[in-house]
Every structure is written in structure tokens, then in C-alpha cells.
Amino acid sequence: QVQLVESGGGSVHHGGSLRLSCAASGNIFSLNFMGWYRQAPGKEREFVASMTSGGKPTYTDSVKGRFGIFRDSTKNTVTLQMNNLEPGDTATYYCNVGWLSPADGWLETWGQGTLVTVSP
């Protein structure tokens, strides 16, 4: 079993900053993908940012220049630094990790979500 623990959500005014953290624990064979998705009320879940084990970050266009993703592979943690937050960033943010299992191939799991609210 692999479990994710998320933290760092909260409420801020526009222009504020938050830092989300995600820690993976359990029977991890080879962790590769670590990233963040978000889902606003009434909307589909969307990709936000990710980083592979090679250290290459990827961001959705709406957060480029404002968000930064950081990963510590030795601790199996990933952090999302969110700056200059906008009301459109209001959503529940979910950590997502993928790894290679020698027996089962590619596997993934999701965190429980942490709420980010940005007021005008």
C-alpha cells in the first residue's frame, strides 16, 4: 500500500501565497511521477503541475510564472509553491504519484485533497 498525506491548504486573498506539500509513504518500488491536480466546484479535475524523477517540471499555462513545483526524491515528497494567487485558483488540490511495480507494472494513487480558497 502507498499512501499520500497532503497539507498546506487554506484561505488567502488575491495576491497571497500558499505552499502545498505531499508526502508518499508505504511500499514504494520506484517512484517516478509526482504532481498536482485541482478540481473547482462544478468543474472537471485538471492538471496543474508535475515533476518526473528526472527533475523536469511541467505546468499548465494558467499557473506559469506563479507556481513552482519542487521534489525531494530521497524523501518521496513534492511541494507546490503557489504565489500571486487568483480567485480562479480556488479549488481542491490533489496530489498524484505514479510508480513502477516490479509485479504489477505502472501504478498510481491520489491524495485526499486539500482546499485552497482565494478571495477577491
C-alpha atoms as a PDB file:
ATOM      1  CA  GLN A   1       0.000   0.000   0.000  1.00  0.00           C
ATOM      2  CA  VAL A   2       1.113   3.534  -0.825  1.00  0.00           C
ATOM      3  CA  GLN A   3      -0.463   6.462   0.970  1.00  0.00           C
ATOM      4  CA  LEU A   4      -0.268  10.200   0.388  1.00  0.00           C
ATOM      5  CA  VAL A   5      -0.568  12.892   3.031  1.00  0.00           C
ATOM      6  CA  GLU A   6      -1.319  16.426   1.863  1.00  0.00           C
ATOM      7  CA  SER A   7      -1.055  19.646   3.801  1.00  0.00           C
ATOM      8  CA  GLY A   8      -0.862  23.385   3.312  1.00  0.00           C
ATOM      9  CA  GLY A   9      -4.291  24.349   2.035  1.00  0.00           C
ATOM     10  CA  GLY A  10      -6.072  27.390   3.358  1.00  0.00           C
ATOM     11  CA  SER A  11      -7.753  30.679   2.583  1.00  0.00           C
ATOM     12  CA  VAL A  12      -5.980  33.760   1.271  1.00  0.00           C
ATOM     13  CA  HIS A  13      -6.799  36.986  -0.505  1.00  0.00           C
ATOM     14  CA  HIS A  14      -5.858  37.516  -4.107  1.00  0.00           C
ATOM     15  CA  GLY A  15      -2.131  38.021  -4.470  1.00  0.00           C
ATOM     16  CA  GLY A  16      -1.350  35.829  -1.496  1.00  0.00           C
ATOM     17  CA  SER A  17       0.758  32.697  -1.348  1.00  0.00           C
ATOM     18  CA  LEU A  18       0.371  29.145  -0.134  1.00  0.00           C
ATOM     19  CA  ARG A  19       2.611  26.121  -0.110  1.00  0.00           C
ATOM     20  CA  LEU A  20       1.183  22.648  -0.542  1.00  0.00           C
ATOM     21  CA  SER A  21       3.102  19.561   0.490  1.00  0.00           C
ATOM     22  CA  CYS A  22       2.595  15.909  -0.298  1.00  0.00           C
ATOM     23  CA  ALA A  23       4.426  13.024   1.317  1.00  0.00           C
ATOM     24  CA  ALA A  24       4.279   9.484  -0.011  1.00  0.00           C
ATOM     25  CA  SER A  25       4.839   6.505   2.226  1.00  0.00           C
ATOM     26  CA  GLY A  26       4.412   2.772   2.109  1.00  0.00           C
ATOM     27  CA  ASN A  27       5.600   0.062  -0.211  1.00  0.00           C
ATOM     28  CA  ILE A  28       7.104   2.193  -2.967  1.00  0.00           C
ATOM     29  CA  PHE A  29       9.107   0.274  -5.514  1.00  0.00           C
ATOM     30  CA  SER A  30      10.253   3.031  -7.861  1.00  0.00           C
ATOM     31  CA  LEU A  31       8.564   6.433  -7.618  1.00  0.00           C
ATOM     32  CA  ASN A  32       8.580   8.316 -10.902  1.00  0.00           C
ATOM     33  CA  PHE A  33       5.730  10.799 -11.339  1.00  0.00           C
ATOM     34  CA  MET A  34       4.754  13.333  -8.691  1.00  0.00           C
ATOM     35  CA  GLY A  35       2.280  16.067  -9.461  1.00  0.00           C
ATOM     36  CA  TRP A  36      -0.756  18.122  -8.574  1.00  0.00           C
ATOM     37  CA  TYR A  37      -4.250  18.332  -9.973  1.00  0.00           C
ATOM     38  CA  ARG A  38      -7.127  20.521  -8.887  1.00  0.00           C
ATOM     39  CA  GLN A  39     -10.888  20.492  -9.091  1.00  0.00           C
ATOM     40  CA  ALA A  40     -13.106  23.519  -8.672  1.00  0.00           C
ATOM     41  CA  PRO A  41     -16.787  23.209  -7.769  1.00  0.00           C
ATOM     42  CA  GLY A  42     -18.765  22.151 -10.802  1.00  0.00           C
ATOM     43  CA  LYS A  43     -15.642  21.653 -12.905  1.00  0.00           C
ATOM     44  CA  GLU A  44     -13.605  18.706 -14.085  1.00  0.00           C
ATOM     45  CA  ARG A  45     -10.365  17.840 -12.400  1.00  0.00           C
ATOM     46  CA  GLU A  46      -7.457  19.451 -14.227  1.00  0.00           C
ATOM     47  CA  PHE A  47      -3.716  19.106 -14.307  1.00  0.00           C
ATOM     48  CA  VAL A  48      -1.690  21.792 -12.531  1.00  0.00           C
ATOM     49  CA  ALA A  49       1.970  20.814 -12.322  1.00  0.00           C
ATOM     50  CA  SER A  50       4.218  17.796 -12.201  1.00  0.00           C
ATOM     51  CA  MET A  51       7.797  16.680 -11.986  1.00  0.00           C
ATOM     52  CA  THR A  52       9.321  13.403 -13.019  1.00  0.00           C
ATOM     53  CA  SER A  53      12.221  11.723 -11.278  1.00  0.00           C
ATOM     54  CA  GLY A  54      14.494  13.395 -13.814  1.00  0.00           C
ATOM     55  CA  GLY A  55      13.694  16.837 -12.392  1.00  0.00           C
ATOM     56  CA  LYS A  56      11.820  18.243 -15.395  1.00  0.00           C
ATOM     57  CA  PRO A  57       8.843  20.388 -14.310  1.00  0.00           C
ATOM     58  CA  THR A  58       5.659  20.826 -16.298  1.00  0.00           C
ATOM     59  CA  TYR A  59       2.955  23.451 -15.670  1.00  0.00           C
ATOM     60  CA  THR A  60      -0.422  24.218 -17.063  1.00  0.00           C
ATOM     61  CA  ASP A  61      -0.476  27.573 -18.827  1.00  0.00           C
ATOM     62  CA  SER A  62      -2.676  29.322 -16.283  1.00  0.00           C
ATOM     63  CA  VAL A  63      -0.131  28.919 -13.464  1.00  0.00           C
ATOM     64  CA  LYS A  64       3.130  29.501 -15.316  1.00  0.00           C
ATOM     65  CA  GLY A  65       5.186  32.200 -13.655  1.00  0.00           C
ATOM     66  CA  ARG A  66       3.178  31.948 -10.444  1.00  0.00           C
ATOM     67  CA  PHE A  67       3.531  28.356  -9.250  1.00  0.00           C
ATOM     68  CA  GLY A  68       6.638  26.303  -8.656  1.00  0.00           C
ATOM     69  CA  ILE A  69       6.901  22.575  -8.111  1.00  0.00           C
ATOM     70  CA  PHE A  70       9.729  21.052  -6.107  1.00  0.00           C
ATOM     71  CA  ARG A  71      10.557  17.463  -5.390  1.00  0.00           C
ATOM     72  CA  ASP A  72      12.748  15.649  -2.920  1.00  0.00           C
ATOM     73  CA  SER A  73      13.133  12.140  -4.260  1.00  0.00           C
ATOM     74  CA  THR A  74      15.069  10.965  -1.224  1.00  0.00           C
ATOM     75  CA  LYS A  75      12.043  11.703   0.977  1.00  0.00           C
ATOM     76  CA  ASN A  76       9.311  10.972  -1.575  1.00  0.00           C
ATOM     77  CA  THR A  77       7.825  14.425  -1.132  1.00  0.00           C
ATOM     78  CA  VAL A  78       6.603  17.044  -3.569  1.00  0.00           C
ATOM     79  CA  THR A  79       5.818  20.680  -2.846  1.00  0.00           C
ATOM     80  CA  LEU A  80       3.713  23.151  -4.791  1.00  0.00           C
ATOM     81  CA  GLN A  81       4.598  26.777  -4.102  1.00  0.00           C
ATOM     82  CA  MET A  82       1.695  28.982  -5.175  1.00  0.00           C
ATOM     83  CA  ASN A  83       2.334  32.708  -5.470  1.00  0.00           C
ATOM     84  CA  ASN A  84       0.191  35.600  -6.665  1.00  0.00           C
ATOM     85  CA  LEU A  85      -2.923  33.529  -6.182  1.00  0.00           C
ATOM     86  CA  GLU A  86      -6.069  34.424  -8.066  1.00  0.00           C
ATOM     87  CA  PRO A  87      -9.722  33.647  -7.359  1.00  0.00           C
ATOM     88  CA  GLY A  88      -9.588  31.265 -10.304  1.00  0.00           C
ATOM     89  CA  ASP A  89      -7.135  29.137  -8.344  1.00  0.00           C
ATOM     90  CA  THR A  90      -9.840  28.267  -5.827  1.00  0.00           C
ATOM     91  CA  ALA A  91     -10.177  24.500  -5.872  1.00  0.00           C
ATOM     92  CA  THR A  92      -9.429  21.308  -4.053  1.00  0.00           C
ATOM     93  CA  TYR A  93      -5.875  20.293  -4.870  1.00  0.00           C
ATOM     94  CA  TYR A  94      -4.939  16.635  -5.167  1.00  0.00           C
ATOM     95  CA  CYS A  95      -1.502  15.125  -5.067  1.00  0.00           C
ATOM     96  CA  ASN A  96      -0.887  12.345  -7.575  1.00  0.00           C
ATOM     97  CA  VAL A  97       2.049   9.963  -7.714  1.00  0.00           C
ATOM     98  CA  GLY A  98       2.926   7.134 -10.051  1.00  0.00           C
ATOM     99  CA  TRP A  99       5.470   4.413  -9.703  1.00  0.00           C
ATOM    100  CA  LEU A 100       6.693   1.232 -11.270  1.00  0.00           C
ATOM    101  CA  SER A 101       5.874  -2.008  -9.510  1.00  0.00           C
ATOM    102  CA  PRO A 102       8.036  -4.992 -10.455  1.00  0.00           C
ATOM    103  CA  ALA A 103       4.996  -7.264 -10.203  1.00  0.00           C
ATOM    104  CA  ASP A 104       2.130  -5.029 -11.378  1.00  0.00           C
ATOM    105  CA  GLY A 105       3.700  -2.508 -13.705  1.00  0.00           C
ATOM    106  CA  TRP A 106       2.655   1.146 -13.571  1.00  0.00           C
ATOM    107  CA  LEU A 107       0.569   2.134 -10.558  1.00  0.00           C
ATOM    108  CA  GLU A 108      -0.709   5.427  -9.192  1.00  0.00           C
ATOM    109  CA  THR A 109      -2.534   6.820  -6.202  1.00  0.00           C
ATOM    110  CA  TRP A 110      -4.222  10.059  -5.159  1.00  0.00           C
ATOM    111  CA  GLY A 111      -4.222  12.145  -2.033  1.00  0.00           C
ATOM    112  CA  GLN A 112      -7.420  13.045  -0.246  1.00  0.00           C
ATOM    113  CA  GLY A 113      -7.268  16.658  -1.371  1.00  0.00           C
ATOM    114  CA  THR A 114      -6.619  19.960   0.334  1.00  0.00           C
ATOM    115  CA  LEU A 115      -8.836  23.003  -0.154  1.00  0.00           C
ATOM    116  CA  VAL A 116      -7.442  26.291  -1.438  1.00  0.00           C
ATOM    117  CA  THR A 117      -9.723  29.311  -1.345  1.00  0.00           C
ATOM    118  CA  VAL A 118      -8.706  32.649  -2.852  1.00  0.00           C
ATOM    119  CA  SER A 119     -10.998  35.589  -2.204  1.00  0.00           C
ATOM    120  CA  PRO A 120     -11.140  38.715  -4.378  1.00  0.00           C
END
